[in-house]
PDB file of N, CA and C in Angstrom:
ATOM      1  N   MET A   1      67.555 -15.670  34.169  1.00  0.00           N
ATOM      2  CA  MET A   1      66.348 -16.298  33.716  1.00  0.00           C
ATOM      3  C   MET A   1      65.099 -15.502  34.098  1.00  0.00           C
ATOM      4  N   LYS A   2      65.167 -14.816  35.209  1.00  0.00           N
ATOM      5  CA  LYS A   2      64.033 -14.066  35.658  1.00  0.00           C
ATOM      6  C   LYS A   2      63.662 -12.980  34.651  1.00  0.00           C
ATOM      7  N   ILE A   3      64.667 -12.354  34.044  1.00  0.00           N
ATOM      8  CA  ILE A   3      64.423 -11.333  33.030  1.00  0.00           C
ATOM      9  C   ILE A   3      63.703 -11.955  31.838  1.00  0.00           C
ATOM     10  N   PHE A   4      64.137 -13.125  31.444  1.00  0.00           N
ATOM     11  CA  PHE A   4      63.506 -13.809  30.321  1.00  0.00           C
ATOM     12  C   PHE A   4      62.042 -14.132  30.629  1.00  0.00           C
ATOM     13  N   LYS A   5      61.765 -14.590  31.842  1.00  0.00           N
ATOM     14  CA  LYS A   5      60.395 -14.914  32.240  1.00  0.00           C
ATOM     15  C   LYS A   5      59.535 -13.657  32.216  1.00  0.00           C
ATOM     16  N   ASN A   6      60.086 -12.549  32.683  1.00  0.00           N
ATOM     17  CA  ASN A   6      59.333 -11.292  32.673  1.00  0.00           C
ATOM     18  C   ASN A   6      59.024 -10.856  31.240  1.00  0.00           C
ATOM     19  N   TYR A   7      59.997 -10.978  30.361  1.00  0.00           N
ATOM     20  CA  TYR A   7      59.769 -10.622  28.962  1.00  0.00           C
ATOM     21  C   TYR A   7      58.721 -11.532  28.327  1.00  0.00           C
ATOM     22  N   LYS A   8      58.828 -12.811  28.686  1.00  0.00           N
ATOM     23  CA  LYS A   8      57.863 -13.763  28.147  1.00  0.00           C
ATOM     24  C   LYS A   8      56.455 -13.410  28.633  1.00  0.00           C
ATOM     25  N   LYS A   9      56.350 -13.097  29.924  1.00  0.00           N
ATOM     26  CA  LYS A   9      55.056 -12.724  30.483  1.00  0.00           C
ATOM     27  C   LYS A   9      54.550 -11.431  29.847  1.00  0.00           C
ATOM     28  N   LEU A  10      55.406 -10.450  29.691  1.00  0.00           N
ATOM     29  CA  LEU A  10      55.027  -9.187  29.045  1.00  0.00           C
ATOM     30  C   LEU A  10      54.599  -9.421  27.599  1.00  0.00           C
ATOM     31  N   TYR A  11      55.308 -10.300  26.920  1.00  0.00           N
ATOM     32  CA  TYR A  11      54.950 -10.614  25.537  1.00  0.00           C
ATOM     33  C   TYR A  11      53.562 -11.267  25.470  1.00  0.00           C
ATOM     34  N   GLU A  12      53.308 -12.198  26.375  1.00  0.00           N
ATOM     35  CA  GLU A  12      52.007 -12.858  26.417  1.00  0.00           C
ATOM     36  C   GLU A  12      50.889 -11.856  26.713  1.00  0.00           C
ATOM     37  N   ILE A  13      51.165 -10.947  27.641  1.00  0.00           N
ATOM     38  CA  ILE A  13      50.182  -9.901  27.952  1.00  0.00           C
ATOM     39  C   ILE A  13      49.940  -9.034  26.719  1.00  0.00           C
ATOM     40  N   GLU A  14      51.007  -8.668  26.043  1.00  0.00           N
ATOM     41  CA  GLU A  14      50.892  -7.844  24.825  1.00  0.00           C
ATOM     42  C   GLU A  14      50.099  -8.568  23.752  1.00  0.00           C
ATOM     43  N   VAL A  15      50.357  -9.836  23.550  1.00  0.00           N
ATOM     44  CA  VAL A  15      49.626 -10.622  22.559  1.00  0.00           C
ATOM     45  C   VAL A  15      48.148 -10.706  22.943  1.00  0.00           C
ATOM     46  N   SER A  16      47.883 -10.919  24.224  1.00  0.00           N
ATOM     47  CA  SER A  16      46.509 -10.996  24.691  1.00  0.00           C
ATOM     48  C   SER A  16      45.787  -9.656  24.491  1.00  0.00           C
ATOM     49  N   ASN A  17      46.481  -8.582  24.834  1.00  0.00           N
ATOM     50  CA  ASN A  17      45.887  -7.250  24.660  1.00  0.00           C
ATOM     51  C   ASN A  17      45.627  -6.944  23.181  1.00  0.00           C
ATOM     52  N   ARG A  18      46.564  -7.326  22.338  1.00  0.00           N
ATOM     53  CA  ARG A  18      46.401  -7.104  20.895  1.00  0.00           C
ATOM     54  C   ARG A  18      45.216  -7.893  20.366  1.00  0.00           C
ATOM     55  N   LYS A  19      45.063  -9.131  20.850  1.00  0.00           N
ATOM     56  CA  LYS A  19      43.931  -9.955  20.430  1.00  0.00           C
ATOM     57  C   LYS A  19      42.616  -9.304  20.874  1.00  0.00           C
ATOM     58  N   LEU A  20      42.557  -8.826  22.116  1.00  0.00           N
ATOM     59  CA  LEU A  20      41.359  -8.144  22.597  1.00  0.00           C
ATOM     60  C   LEU A  20      41.066  -6.896  21.766  1.00  0.00           C
ATOM     61  N   LEU A  21      42.115  -6.157  21.461  1.00  0.00           N
ATOM     62  CA  LEU A  21      41.972  -4.947  20.654  1.00  0.00           C
ATOM     63  C   LEU A  21      41.451  -5.269  19.256  1.00  0.00           C
ATOM     64  N   GLU A  22      41.991  -6.293  18.634  1.00  0.00           N
ATOM     65  CA  GLU A  22      41.540  -6.685  17.296  1.00  0.00           C
ATOM     66  C   GLU A  22      40.092  -7.177  17.321  1.00  0.00           C
ATOM     67  N   ASP A  23      39.740  -7.933  18.362  1.00  0.00           N
ATOM     68  CA  ASP A  23      38.350  -8.397  18.487  1.00  0.00           C
ATOM     69  C   ASP A  23      37.401  -7.221  18.646  1.00  0.00           C
ATOM     70  N   ARG A  24      37.779  -6.283  19.499  1.00  0.00           N
ATOM     71  CA  ARG A  24      36.934  -5.099  19.718  1.00  0.00           C
ATOM     72  C   ARG A  24      36.829  -4.264  18.440  1.00  0.00           C
ATOM     73  N   LYS A  25      37.960  -4.136  17.730  1.00  0.00           N
ATOM     74  CA  LYS A  25      37.957  -3.389  16.470  1.00  0.00           C
ATOM     75  C   LYS A  25      37.028  -4.051  15.459  1.00  0.00           C
ATOM     76  N   LYS A  26      37.062  -5.374  15.366  1.00  0.00           N
ATOM     77  CA  LYS A  26      36.178  -6.090  14.442  1.00  0.00           C
ATOM     78  C   LYS A  26      34.720  -5.915  14.848  1.00  0.00           C
ATOM     79  N   GLU A  27      34.454  -5.988  16.157  1.00  0.00           N
ATOM     80  CA  GLU A  27      33.094  -5.805  16.662  1.00  0.00           C
ATOM     81  C   GLU A  27      32.573  -4.407  16.320  1.00  0.00           C
ATOM     82  N   LEU A  28      33.405  -3.395  16.534  1.00  0.00           N
ATOM     83  CA  LEU A  28      33.006  -2.022  16.207  1.00  0.00           C
ATOM     84  C   LEU A  28      32.809  -1.838  14.704  1.00  0.00           C
ATOM     85  N   TYR A  29      33.665  -2.460  13.915  1.00  0.00           N
ATOM     86  CA  TYR A  29      33.537  -2.378  12.461  1.00  0.00           C
ATOM     87  C   TYR A  29      32.209  -2.982  12.007  1.00  0.00           C
ATOM     88  N   ASP A  30      31.865  -4.156  12.568  1.00  0.00           N
ATOM     89  CA  ASP A  30      30.599  -4.808  12.218  1.00  0.00           C
ATOM     90  C   ASP A  30      29.406  -3.954  12.637  1.00  0.00           C
ATOM     91  N   LYS A  31      29.473  -3.361  13.837  1.00  0.00           N
ATOM     92  CA  LYS A  31      28.384  -2.483  14.283  1.00  0.00           C
ATOM     93  C   LYS A  31      28.274  -1.260  13.381  1.00  0.00           C
ATOM     94  N   ASN A  32      29.409  -0.735  12.980  1.00  0.00           N
ATOM     95  CA  ASN A  32      29.412   0.428  12.093  1.00  0.00           C
ATOM     96  C   ASN A  32      28.705   0.090  10.780  1.00  0.00           C
ATOM     97  N   ILE A  33      28.993  -1.073  10.240  1.00  0.00           N
ATOM     98  CA  ILE A  33      28.341  -1.499   8.992  1.00  0.00           C
ATOM     99  C   ILE A  33      26.829  -1.635   9.214  1.00  0.00           C
ATOM    100  N   GLU A  34      26.444  -2.226  10.351  1.00  0.00           N
ATOM    101  CA  GLU A  34      25.017  -2.354  10.659  1.00  0.00           C
ATOM    102  C   GLU A  34      24.355  -0.985  10.744  1.00  0.00           C
ATOM    103  N   TYR A  35      25.017  -0.044  11.416  1.00  0.00           N
ATOM    104  CA  TYR A  35      24.466   1.306  11.539  1.00  0.00           C
ATOM    105  C   TYR A  35      24.353   1.992  10.183  1.00  0.00           C
ATOM    106  N   GLN A  36      25.345   1.802   9.336  1.00  0.00           N
ATOM    107  CA  GLN A  36      25.295   2.408   8.009  1.00  0.00           C
ATOM    108  C   GLN A  36      24.131   1.831   7.194  1.00  0.00           C
ATOM    109  N   ILE A  37      23.921   0.537   7.306  1.00  0.00           N
ATOM    110  CA  ILE A  37      22.797  -0.090   6.598  1.00  0.00           C
ATOM    111  C   ILE A  37      21.483   0.452   7.157  1.00  0.00           C
ATOM    112  N   GLU A  38      21.401   0.567   8.481  1.00  0.00           N
ATOM    113  CA  GLU A  38      20.188   1.088   9.110  1.00  0.00           C
ATOM    114  C   GLU A  38      19.939   2.543   8.692  1.00  0.00           C
ATOM    115  N   ILE A  39      20.989   3.335   8.647  1.00  0.00           N
ATOM    116  CA  ILE A  39      20.856   4.733   8.223  1.00  0.00           C
ATOM    117  C   ILE A  39      20.402   4.798   6.767  1.00  0.00           C
ATOM    118  N   GLN A  40      20.952   3.950   5.922  1.00  0.00           N
ATOM    119  CA  GLN A  40      20.553   3.920   4.513  1.00  0.00           C
ATOM    120  C   GLN A  40      19.087   3.548   4.374  1.00  0.00           C
ATOM    121  N   ASP A  41      18.656   2.556   5.162  1.00  0.00           N
ATOM    122  CA  ASP A  41      17.243   2.154   5.134  1.00  0.00           C
ATOM    123  C   ASP A  41      16.350   3.309   5.580  1.00  0.00           C
ATOM    124  N   GLN A  42      16.756   3.992   6.641  1.00  0.00           N
ATOM    125  CA  GLN A  42      15.972   5.119   7.139  1.00  0.00           C
ATOM    126  C   GLN A  42      15.947   6.255   6.114  1.00  0.00           C
ATOM    127  N   THR A  43      17.070   6.480   5.451  1.00  0.00           N
ATOM    128  CA  THR A  43      17.133   7.514   4.419  1.00  0.00           C
ATOM    129  C   THR A  43      16.179   7.172   3.282  1.00  0.00           C
ATOM    130  N   ASN A  44      16.155   5.915   2.880  1.00  0.00           N
ATOM    131  CA  ASN A  44      15.230   5.484   1.821  1.00  0.00           C
ATOM    132  C   ASN A  44      13.787   5.643   2.268  1.00  0.00           C
ATOM    133  N   GLU A  45      13.519   5.306   3.520  1.00  0.00           N
ATOM    134  CA  GLU A  45      12.157   5.441   4.039  1.00  0.00           C
ATOM    135  C   GLU A  45      11.750   6.913   4.085  1.00  0.00           C
ATOM    136  N   ILE A  46      12.667   7.769   4.501  1.00  0.00           N
ATOM    137  CA  ILE A  46      12.388   9.213   4.528  1.00  0.00           C
ATOM    138  C   ILE A  46      12.103   9.719   3.121  1.00  0.00           C
ATOM    139  N   ARG A  47      12.888   9.294   2.150  1.00  0.00           N
ATOM    140  CA  ARG A  47      12.685   9.711   0.769  1.00  0.00           C
ATOM    141  C   ARG A  47      11.304   9.275   0.274  1.00  0.00           C
ATOM    142  N   THR A  48      10.946   8.023   0.594  1.00  0.00           N
ATOM    143  CA  THR A  48       9.642   7.503   0.193  1.00  0.00           C
ATOM    144  C   THR A  48       8.519   8.309   0.842  1.00  0.00           C
ATOM    145  N   LEU A  49       8.677   8.623   2.124  1.00  0.00           N
ATOM    146  CA  LEU A  49       7.658   9.403   2.823  1.00  0.00           C
ATOM    147  C   LEU A  49       7.552  10.822   2.259  1.00  0.00           C
ATOM    148  N   LYS A  50       8.681  11.411   1.901  1.00  0.00           N
ATOM    149  CA  LYS A  50       8.653  12.746   1.297  1.00  0.00           C
ATOM    150  C   LYS A  50       7.916  12.719  -0.035  1.00  0.00           C
ATOM    151  N   GLU A  51       8.164  11.681  -0.826  1.00  0.00           N
ATOM    152  CA  GLU A  51       7.457  11.548  -2.104  1.00  0.00           C
ATOM    153  C   GLU A  51       5.958  11.393  -1.876  1.00  0.00           C
ATOM    154  N   GLU A  52       5.599  10.598  -0.868  1.00  0.00           N
ATOM    155  CA  GLU A  52       4.186  10.393  -0.566  1.00  0.00           C
ATOM    156  C   GLU A  52       3.534  11.700  -0.105  1.00  0.00           C
ATOM    157  N   VAL A  53       4.254  12.463   0.708  1.00  0.00           N
ATOM    158  CA  VAL A  53       3.737  13.757   1.169  1.00  0.00           C
ATOM    159  C   VAL A  53       3.529  14.689  -0.019  1.00  0.00           C
ATOM    160  N   ALA A  54       4.488  14.705  -0.943  1.00  0.00           N
ATOM    161  CA  ALA A  54       4.356  15.564  -2.124  1.00  0.00           C
ATOM    162  C   ALA A  54       3.131  15.162  -2.951  1.00  0.00           C
ATOM    163  N   LYS A  55       2.937  13.854  -3.135  1.00  0.00           N
ATOM    164  CA  LYS A  55       1.769  13.379  -3.885  1.00  0.00           C
ATOM    165  C   LYS A  55       0.476  13.783  -3.182  1.00  0.00           C
ATOM    166  N   LEU A  56       0.463  13.634  -1.854  1.00  0.00           N
ATOM    167  CA  LEU A  56      -0.739  13.988  -1.097  1.00  0.00           C
ATOM    168  C   LEU A  56      -1.019  15.486  -1.163  1.00  0.00           C
ATOM    169  N   LYS A  57       0.038  16.295  -1.179  1.00  0.00           N
ATOM    170  CA  LYS A  57      -0.159  17.743  -1.304  1.00  0.00           C
ATOM    171  C   LYS A  57      -0.786  18.086  -2.650  1.00  0.00           C
ATOM    172  N   ILE A  58      -0.296  17.449  -3.704  1.00  0.00           N
ATOM    173  CA  ILE A  58      -0.850  17.685  -5.035  1.00  0.00           C
ATOM    174  C   ILE A  58      -2.311  17.249  -5.075  1.00  0.00           C
ATOM    175  N   GLU A  59      -2.579  16.068  -4.490  1.00  0.00           N
ATOM    176  CA  GLU A  59      -3.948  15.565  -4.467  1.00  0.00           C
ATOM    177  C   GLU A  59      -4.856  16.508  -3.666  1.00  0.00           C
ATOM    178  N   LEU A  60      -4.351  17.021  -2.557  1.00  0.00           N
ATOM    179  CA  LEU A  60      -5.122  17.953  -1.740  1.00  0.00           C
ATOM    180  C   LEU A  60      -5.428  19.234  -2.510  1.00  0.00           C
ATOM    181  N   GLU A  61      -4.441  19.748  -3.231  1.00  0.00           N
ATOM    182  CA  GLU A  61      -4.669  20.948  -4.044  1.00  0.00           C
ATOM    183  C   GLU A  61      -5.744  20.682  -5.103  1.00  0.00           C
ATOM    184  N   ASP A  62      -5.667  19.504  -5.722  1.00  0.00           N
ATOM    185  CA  ASP A  62      -6.681  19.141  -6.721  1.00  0.00           C
ATOM    186  C   ASP A  62      -8.069  19.079  -6.088  1.00  0.00           C
ATOM    187  N   LEU A  63      -8.146  18.441  -4.920  1.00  0.00           N
ATOM    188  CA  LEU A  63      -9.431  18.319  -4.243  1.00  0.00           C
ATOM    189  C   LEU A  63      -9.975  19.682  -3.817  1.00  0.00           C
ATOM    190  N   GLN A  64      -9.080  20.564  -3.387  1.00  0.00           N
ATOM    191  CA  GLN A  64      -9.518  21.911  -3.028  1.00  0.00           C
ATOM    192  C   GLN A  64     -10.057  22.637  -4.254  1.00  0.00           C
ATOM    193  N   GLY A  65      -9.416  22.437  -5.401  1.00  0.00           N
ATOM    194  CA  GLY A  65      -9.900  23.025  -6.647  1.00  0.00           C
ATOM    195  C   GLY A  65     -11.274  22.473  -7.019  1.00  0.00           C
ATOM    196  N   PHE A  66     -11.437  21.156  -6.897  1.00  0.00           N
ATOM    197  CA  PHE A  66     -12.724  20.544  -7.198  1.00  0.00           C
ATOM    198  C   PHE A  66     -13.807  21.051  -6.258  1.00  0.00           C
ATOM    199  N   LYS A  67     -13.470  21.203  -4.980  1.00  0.00           N
ATOM    200  CA  LYS A  67     -14.448  21.708  -4.012  1.00  0.00           C
ATOM    201  C   LYS A  67     -14.846  23.133  -4.359  1.00  0.00           C
ATOM    202  N   LYS A  68     -13.883  23.945  -4.741  1.00  0.00           N
ATOM    203  CA  LYS A  68     -14.200  25.330  -5.116  1.00  0.00           C
ATOM    204  C   LYS A  68     -15.124  25.343  -6.331  1.00  0.00           C
ATOM    205  N   GLN A  69     -14.813  24.505  -7.331  1.00  0.00           N
ATOM    206  CA  GLN A  69     -15.685  24.413  -8.506  1.00  0.00           C
ATOM    207  C   GLN A  69     -17.086  23.968  -8.101  1.00  0.00           C
ATOM    208  N   SER A  70     -17.152  22.979  -7.220  1.00  0.00           N
ATOM    209  CA  SER A  70     -18.444  22.483  -6.762  1.00  0.00           C
ATOM    210  C   SER A  70     -19.220  23.575  -6.027  1.00  0.00           C
ATOM    211  N   ASP A  71     -18.529  24.294  -5.149  1.00  0.00           N
ATOM    212  CA  ASP A  71     -19.190  25.389  -4.420  1.00  0.00           C
ATOM    213  C   ASP A  71     -19.684  26.466  -5.379  1.00  0.00           C
ATOM    214  N   ASP A  72     -18.868  26.793  -6.372  1.00  0.00           N
ATOM    215  CA  ASP A  72     -19.271  27.797  -7.361  1.00  0.00           C
ATOM    216  C   ASP A  72     -20.504  27.325  -8.137  1.00  0.00           C
ATOM    217  N   CYS A  73     -20.514  26.040  -8.498  1.00  0.00           N
ATOM    218  CA  CYS A  73     -21.667  25.486  -9.220  1.00  0.00           C
ATOM    219  C   CYS A  73     -22.919  25.518  -8.345  1.00  0.00           C
ATOM    220  N   ILE A  74     -22.765  25.188  -7.078  1.00  0.00           N
ATOM    221  CA  ILE A  74     -23.918  25.213  -6.166  1.00  0.00           C
ATOM    222  C   ILE A  74     -24.492  26.619  -6.069  1.00  0.00           C
ATOM    223  N   VAL A  75     -23.617  27.621  -5.928  1.00  0.00           N
ATOM    224  CA  VAL A  75     -24.077  29.010  -5.840  1.00  0.00           C
ATOM    225  C   VAL A  75     -24.788  29.409  -7.135  1.00  0.00           C
ATOM    226  N   ALA A  76     -24.180  29.055  -8.268  1.00  0.00           N
ATOM    227  CA  ALA A  76     -24.788  29.403  -9.558  1.00  0.00           C
ATOM    228  C   ALA A  76     -26.144  28.719  -9.734  1.00  0.00           C
ATOM    229  N   LEU A  77     -26.231  27.455  -9.347  1.00  0.00           N
ATOM    230  CA  LEU A  77     -27.503  26.738  -9.471  1.00  0.00           C
ATOM    231  C   LEU A  77     -28.570  27.318  -8.546  1.00  0.00           C
ATOM    232  N   LYS A  78     -28.180  27.713  -7.349  1.00  0.00           N
ATOM    233  CA  LYS A  78     -29.146  28.337  -6.436  1.00  0.00           C
ATOM    234  C   LYS A  78     -29.669  29.647  -7.021  1.00  0.00           C
ATOM    235  N   LYS A  79     -28.762  30.435  -7.619  1.00  0.00           N
ATOM    236  CA  LYS A  79     -29.178  31.697  -8.244  1.00  0.00           C
ATOM    237  C   LYS A  79     -30.138  31.416  -9.398  1.00  0.00           C
ATOM    238  N   GLU A  80     -29.783  30.429 -10.217  1.00  0.00           N
ATOM    239  CA  GLU A  80     -30.628  30.068 -11.354  1.00  0.00           C
ATOM    240  C   GLU A  80     -31.994  29.578 -10.869  1.00  0.00           C
ATOM    241  N   ARG A  81     -32.014  28.775  -9.837  1.00  0.00           N
ATOM    242  CA  ARG A  81     -33.268  28.278  -9.277  1.00  0.00           C
ATOM    243  C   ARG A  81     -34.134  29.439  -8.778  1.00  0.00           C
ATOM    244  N   THR A  82     -33.501  30.378  -8.069  1.00  0.00           N
ATOM    245  CA  THR A  82     -34.231  31.545  -7.579  1.00  0.00           C
ATOM    246  C   THR A  82     -34.819  32.339  -8.735  1.00  0.00           C
ATOM    247  N   ASN A  83     -34.025  32.546  -9.777  1.00  0.00           N
ATOM    248  CA  ASN A  83     -34.504  33.279 -10.956  1.00  0.00           C
ATOM    249  C   ASN A  83     -35.666  32.555 -11.623  1.00  0.00           C
ATOM    250  N   LEU A  84     -35.553  31.240 -11.748  1.00  0.00           N
ATOM    251  CA  LEU A  84     -36.633  30.467 -12.372  1.00  0.00           C
ATOM    252  C   LEU A  84     -37.905  30.505 -11.532  1.00  0.00           C
ATOM    253  N   LYS A  85     -37.746  30.424 -10.209  1.00  0.00           N
ATOM    254  CA  LYS A  85     -38.921  30.519  -9.338  1.00  0.00           C
ATOM    255  C   LYS A  85     -39.593  31.887  -9.503  1.00  0.00           C
ATOM    256  N   ARG A  86     -38.781  32.918  -9.573  1.00  0.00           N
ATOM    257  CA  ARG A  86     -39.307  34.276  -9.757  1.00  0.00           C
ATOM    258  C   ARG A  86     -40.060  34.376 -11.077  1.00  0.00           C
ATOM    259  N   LYS A  87     -39.483  33.813 -12.140  1.00  0.00           N
ATOM    260  CA  LYS A  87     -40.141  33.847 -13.451  1.00  0.00           C
ATOM    261  C   LYS A  87     -41.461  33.085 -13.410  1.00  0.00           C
ATOM    262  N   ILE A  88     -41.474  31.927 -12.750  1.00  0.00           N
ATOM    263  CA  ILE A  88     -42.707  31.138 -12.646  1.00  0.00           C
ATOM    264  C   ILE A  88     -43.771  31.934 -11.899  1.00  0.00           C
ATOM    265  N   THR A  89     -43.355  32.559 -10.818  1.00  0.00           N
ATOM    266  CA  THR A  89     -44.309  33.366 -10.038  1.00  0.00           C
ATOM    267  C   THR A  89     -44.864  34.505 -10.886  1.00  0.00           C
ATOM    268  N   ASN A  90     -43.996  35.188 -11.608  1.00  0.00           N
ATOM    269  CA  ASN A  90     -44.435  36.293 -12.469  1.00  0.00           C
ATOM    270  C   ASN A  90     -45.368  35.796 -13.572  1.00  0.00           C
ATOM    271  N   LEU A  91     -45.042  34.663 -14.162  1.00  0.00           N
ATOM    272  CA  LEU A  91     -45.890  34.107 -15.216  1.00  0.00           C
ATOM    273  C   LEU A  91     -47.260  33.699 -14.661  1.00  0.00           C
ATOM    274  N   GLN A  92     -47.258  33.137 -13.450  1.00  0.00           N
ATOM    275  CA  GLN A  92     -48.537  32.762 -12.843  1.00  0.00           C
ATOM    276  C   GLN A  92     -49.379  34.008 -12.555  1.00  0.00           C
ATOM    277  N   LYS A  93     -48.722  35.092 -12.092  1.00  0.00           N
ATOM    278  CA  LYS A  93     -49.453  36.345 -11.837  1.00  0.00           C
ATOM    279  C   LYS A  93     -50.028  36.891 -13.138  1.00  0.00           C
ATOM    280  N   GLU A  94     -49.235  36.873 -14.201  1.00  0.00           N
ATOM    281  CA  GLU A  94     -49.703  37.364 -15.509  1.00  0.00           C
ATOM    282  C   GLU A  94     -50.874  36.514 -15.999  1.00  0.00           C
ATOM    283  N   LYS A  95     -50.770  35.206 -15.795  1.00  0.00           N
ATOM    284  CA  LYS A  95     -51.843  34.310 -16.239  1.00  0.00           C
ATOM    285  C   LYS A  95     -53.153  34.626 -15.493  1.00  0.00           C
ATOM    286  N   LEU A  96     -53.020  34.826 -14.176  1.00  0.00           N
ATOM    287  CA  LEU A  96     -54.205  35.156 -13.397  1.00  0.00           C
ATOM    288  C   LEU A  96     -54.794  36.504 -13.803  1.00  0.00           C
ATOM    289  N   GLU A  97     -53.947  37.471 -14.117  1.00  0.00           N
ATOM    290  CA  GLU A  97     -54.418  38.793 -14.550  1.00  0.00           C
ATOM    291  C   GLU A  97     -55.091  38.691 -15.906  1.00  0.00           C
ATOM    292  N   ASN A  98     -54.578  37.881 -16.795  1.00  0.00           N
ATOM    293  CA  ASN A  98     -55.161  37.698 -18.112  1.00  0.00           C
ATOM    294  C   ASN A  98     -56.503  36.964 -18.046  1.00  0.00           C
ATOM    295  N   VAL A  99     -56.646  36.083 -17.104  1.00  0.00           N
ATOM    296  CA  VAL A  99     -57.890  35.332 -16.954  1.00  0.00           C
ATOM    297  C   VAL A  99     -58.972  36.257 -16.435  1.00  0.00           C
ATOM    298  N   HIS A 100     -58.687  37.195 -15.580  1.00  0.00           N
ATOM    299  CA  HIS A 100     -59.692  38.088 -14.998  1.00  0.00           C
ATOM    300  C   HIS A 100     -59.908  39.231 -15.881  1.00  0.00           C
TER     301      HIS A 100
END
Protein backbone atom coordinates (compact mmCIF):
# COMPACT_ATOMS: atom_id res chain seq x y z
CA MET A 1 0.00 0.00 0.00
CA LYS A 2 2.86 2.34 0.68
CA ILE A 3 3.89 2.20 -2.99
CA PHE A 4 0.36 3.10 -4.01
CA LYS A 5 0.31 6.07 -1.62
CA ASN A 6 3.62 7.29 -3.01
CA TYR A 7 2.33 7.04 -6.57
CA LYS A 8 -0.83 8.82 -5.57
CA LYS A 9 1.18 11.58 -3.92
CA LEU A 10 3.50 11.84 -6.94
CA TYR A 11 0.49 11.98 -9.23
CA GLU A 12 -1.06 14.77 -7.17
CA ILE A 13 2.22 16.68 -7.23
CA GLU A 14 2.42 16.20 -11.00
CA VAL A 15 -1.15 17.42 -11.47
CA SER A 16 -0.46 20.42 -9.26
CA ASN A 17 2.74 21.23 -11.15
CA ARG A 18 0.97 20.88 -14.49
CA LYS A 19 -1.78 23.22 -13.30
CA LEU A 20 0.82 25.79 -12.20
CA LEU A 21 2.60 25.41 -15.53
CA GLU A 22 -0.61 25.89 -17.51
CA ASP A 23 -1.55 28.94 -15.43
CA ARG A 24 1.88 30.47 -15.95
CA LYS A 25 1.73 29.67 -19.67
CA LYS A 26 -1.67 31.39 -19.95
CA GLU A 27 -0.36 34.39 -18.00
CA LEU A 28 2.66 34.68 -20.30
CA TYR A 29 0.47 34.29 -23.37
CA ASP A 30 -1.82 37.11 -22.18
CA LYS A 31 1.18 39.35 -21.44
CA ASN A 32 2.60 38.56 -24.86
CA ILE A 33 -0.65 39.66 -26.49
CA GLU A 34 -0.62 42.86 -24.43
CA TYR A 35 2.97 43.56 -25.49
CA GLN A 36 2.14 42.93 -29.13
CA ILE A 37 -0.78 45.35 -28.94
CA GLU A 38 1.45 47.92 -27.21
CA ILE A 39 4.16 47.47 -29.86
CA GLN A 40 1.57 47.88 -32.62
CA ASP A 41 0.29 51.07 -31.00
CA GLN A 42 3.83 52.40 -30.69
CA THR A 43 4.54 51.47 -34.31
CA ASN A 44 1.43 53.37 -35.41
CA GLU A 45 2.45 56.35 -33.30
CA ILE A 46 5.95 56.29 -34.80
CA ARG A 47 4.48 56.17 -38.30
CA THR A 48 2.22 59.12 -37.50
CA LEU A 49 5.14 61.09 -36.08
CA LYS A 50 7.27 60.32 -39.14
CA GLU A 51 4.49 61.59 -41.39
CA GLU A 52 4.20 64.74 -39.29
CA VAL A 53 7.96 65.28 -39.47
CA ALA A 54 7.86 64.89 -43.25
CA LYS A 55 5.03 67.43 -43.51
CA LEU A 56 6.91 69.85 -41.27
CA LYS A 57 10.06 69.47 -43.38
CA ILE A 58 8.10 70.30 -46.52
CA GLU A 59 6.49 73.27 -44.77
CA LEU A 60 9.90 74.45 -43.56
CA GLU A 61 11.32 74.24 -47.09
CA ASP A 62 8.36 76.26 -48.36
CA LEU A 63 8.85 78.87 -45.65
CA GLN A 64 12.56 79.08 -46.41
CA GLY A 65 11.67 79.66 -50.07
CA PHE A 66 9.19 82.38 -49.12
CA LYS A 67 11.77 84.03 -46.86
CA LYS A 68 14.34 84.01 -49.66
CA GLN A 69 11.80 85.58 -52.02
CA SER A 70 10.96 88.17 -49.38
CA ASP A 71 14.63 88.96 -48.79
CA ASP A 72 15.21 89.28 -52.53
CA CYS A 73 12.22 91.63 -52.82
CA ILE A 74 13.49 93.74 -49.92
CA VAL A 75 16.92 94.08 -51.55
CA ALA A 76 15.36 94.96 -54.91
CA LEU A 77 13.04 97.53 -53.32
CA LYS A 78 15.92 99.13 -51.42
CA LYS A 79 17.90 99.40 -54.67
CA GLU A 80 14.89 100.89 -56.44
CA ARG A 81 14.34 103.35 -53.59
CA THR A 82 17.99 104.41 -53.72
CA ASN A 83 17.77 104.90 -57.49
CA LEU A 84 14.58 106.94 -57.16
CA LYS A 85 16.11 109.11 -54.44
CA ARG A 86 19.12 109.70 -56.67
CA LYS A 87 16.86 110.65 -59.59
CA ILE A 88 14.88 113.05 -57.37
CA THR A 89 18.08 114.65 -56.16
CA ASN A 90 19.37 115.02 -59.72
CA LEU A 91 16.06 116.48 -60.89
CA GLN A 92 16.05 118.96 -58.01
CA LYS A 93 19.62 120.01 -58.90
CA GLU A 94 18.63 120.45 -62.56
CA LYS A 95 15.58 122.47 -61.52
CA LEU A 96 17.70 124.75 -59.36
CA GLU A 97 20.24 125.19 -62.18
CA ASN A 98 17.47 126.02 -64.65
CA VAL A 99 15.96 128.58 -62.29
CA HIS A 100 19.29 130.44 -61.89
